[in-house]
Amino acid sequence: MNYPITEVSEEDAHKIMDKVADFIAQRRMASPALMFIESVRPLNFIASQLLFFLAPFAELIFNPTEYQQFAALLEDNKNIEYLLDKIDQKDIEYRRKWKREKRERKQREKRKKKLKKKINKKENQDE
């Protein structure tokens, strides 16, 4: 029988929280996630117990060990604080990356337009 995990090493805790923060930030859901987590922070123990209650169903979808570890982590306020900080950090990283990619895309488009103009101009001169 699988007993619920009640203690998680700090290294594993950070790894799981980083994974969750990355998942949220990649999907551009950082602001709603931060607002939700902050608003239900006083209920973190209850949320943790709810995750343990839902474990038989959730473990069909998620990795059972990581799921139980995440549920155990939600009991501690310092883990919630770490998660909030990580979500914010990852969101900033992804926003910078998206802006850089957008800027590069615009530069490529400008170069393409210039090249097309040159080609069209040359074709018109040849005629």
Protein backbone atom coordinates (compact mmCIF):
# COMPACT_ATOMS: atom_id res chain seq x y z
CA MET A 1 0.00 0.00 0.00
CA ASN A 2 1.27 3.48 -0.86
CA TYR A 3 1.30 5.73 2.16
CA PRO A 4 1.11 9.47 1.57
CA ILE A 5 4.41 11.30 1.59
CA THR A 6 4.57 13.71 4.50
CA GLU A 7 8.13 15.01 4.33
CA VAL A 8 10.07 16.26 1.33
CA SER A 9 13.73 17.24 1.19
CA GLU A 10 14.42 20.89 0.46
CA GLU A 11 16.15 19.97 -2.80
CA ASP A 12 13.15 17.95 -3.99
CA ALA A 13 10.81 20.71 -2.83
CA HIS A 14 12.64 23.31 -4.89
CA LYS A 15 12.73 21.02 -7.92
CA ILE A 16 8.97 20.44 -7.77
CA MET A 17 8.17 24.10 -7.14
CA ASP A 18 10.43 25.12 -10.04
CA LYS A 19 8.62 22.67 -12.29
CA VAL A 20 5.20 24.04 -11.26
CA ALA A 21 6.37 27.65 -11.65
CA ASP A 22 7.79 26.90 -15.09
CA PHE A 23 4.55 25.20 -16.14
CA ILE A 24 2.52 28.25 -15.08
CA ALA A 25 4.87 30.85 -16.58
CA GLN A 26 5.17 29.07 -19.94
CA ARG A 27 1.42 29.26 -20.36
CA ARG A 28 1.36 32.98 -19.50
CA MET A 29 -0.79 32.31 -16.45
CA ALA A 30 1.51 33.89 -13.86
CA SER A 31 -0.73 36.82 -12.93
CA PRO A 32 -3.88 34.76 -12.35
CA ALA A 33 -1.87 32.08 -10.54
CA LEU A 34 -0.21 34.62 -8.24
CA MET A 35 -3.55 36.23 -7.47
CA PHE A 36 -5.20 32.87 -6.80
CA ILE A 37 -2.39 31.54 -4.61
CA GLU A 38 -2.23 34.80 -2.61
CA SER A 39 -5.99 34.82 -2.09
CA VAL A 40 -6.17 31.23 -0.83
CA ARG A 41 -2.93 31.31 1.13
CA PRO A 42 -4.71 31.16 4.52
CA LEU A 43 -6.31 27.91 3.35
CA ASN A 44 -3.09 26.22 2.23
CA PHE A 45 -3.40 23.38 4.75
CA ILE A 46 -6.97 22.65 3.62
CA ALA A 47 -5.86 22.77 -0.02
CA SER A 48 -3.09 20.31 0.81
CA GLN A 49 -5.56 17.93 2.43
CA LEU A 50 -7.89 18.29 -0.55
CA LEU A 51 -5.06 17.24 -2.86
CA PHE A 52 -4.46 14.17 -0.70
CA PHE A 53 -8.19 13.40 -0.87
CA LEU A 54 -8.15 13.67 -4.69
CA ALA A 55 -4.91 11.67 -4.97
CA PRO A 56 -6.44 8.38 -6.21
CA PHE A 57 -7.90 10.19 -9.23
CA ALA A 58 -5.13 12.71 -9.82
CA GLU A 59 -2.43 10.06 -9.70
CA LEU A 60 -3.92 8.54 -12.84
CA ILE A 61 -2.83 11.69 -14.67
CA PHE A 62 0.18 12.96 -12.69
CA ASN A 63 3.30 11.27 -11.37
CA PRO A 64 2.08 9.83 -8.01
CA THR A 65 5.27 10.58 -6.06
CA GLU A 66 5.55 14.17 -7.26
CA TYR A 67 1.83 14.71 -6.72
CA GLN A 68 2.03 13.57 -3.08
CA GLN A 69 5.18 15.61 -2.54
CA PHE A 70 3.48 18.71 -3.95
CA ALA A 71 0.47 18.13 -1.70
CA ALA A 72 2.77 17.82 1.32
CA LEU A 73 4.65 20.99 0.32
CA LEU A 74 1.47 23.08 0.33
CA GLU A 75 1.17 22.66 4.08
CA ASP A 76 4.15 24.94 4.74
CA ASN A 77 3.93 28.72 4.23
CA LYS A 78 7.60 29.03 3.31
CA ASN A 79 7.01 26.70 0.35
CA ILE A 80 4.08 28.82 -0.78
CA GLU A 81 6.31 31.90 -0.57
CA TYR A 82 9.03 30.12 -2.57
CA LEU A 83 6.48 29.10 -5.21
CA LEU A 84 5.19 32.67 -5.54
CA ASP A 85 8.73 34.01 -5.92
CA LYS A 86 9.59 31.36 -8.50
CA ILE A 87 6.44 32.02 -10.55
CA ASP A 88 7.29 35.72 -10.57
CA GLN A 89 10.91 35.01 -11.53
CA LYS A 90 10.00 32.61 -14.33
CA ASP A 91 7.37 35.02 -15.63
CA ILE A 92 9.97 37.78 -15.92
CA GLU A 93 12.37 35.40 -17.72
CA TYR A 94 9.73 34.27 -20.21
CA ARG A 95 8.51 37.82 -20.86
CA ARG A 96 12.07 38.89 -21.70
CA LYS A 97 12.47 35.88 -23.96
CA TRP A 98 9.15 36.57 -25.74
CA LYS A 99 10.03 40.24 -26.23
CA ARG A 100 13.44 39.32 -27.63
CA GLU A 101 11.85 36.79 -30.01
CA LYS A 102 9.26 39.33 -31.10
CA ARG A 103 11.96 41.93 -31.75
CA GLU A 104 13.99 39.39 -33.77
CA ARG A 105 10.89 38.40 -35.74
CA LYS A 106 10.21 42.05 -36.61
CA GLN A 107 13.82 42.52 -37.72
CA ARG A 108 13.58 39.46 -39.96
CA GLU A 109 10.35 40.79 -41.46
CA LYS A 110 11.99 44.16 -42.16
CA ARG A 111 14.92 42.43 -43.86
CA LYS A 112 12.53 40.36 -45.97
CA LYS A 113 10.63 43.48 -47.04
CA LYS A 114 13.86 45.26 -48.00
CA LEU A 115 15.03 42.23 -49.94
CA LYS A 116 11.69 41.97 -51.77
CA LYS A 117 11.86 45.67 -52.64
CA LYS A 118 15.38 45.20 -54.03
CA ILE A 119 14.31 42.18 -56.06
CA ASN A 120 11.24 43.98 -57.41
CA LYS A 121 13.30 47.06 -58.23
CA LYS A 122 15.89 44.95 -60.06
CA GLU A 123 13.16 43.09 -61.98
CA ASN A 124 11.59 46.40 -63.01
CA GLN A 125 14.95 47.69 -64.20
CA ASP A 126 15.59 44.53 -66.24
CA GLU A 127 12.30 44.95 -68.10
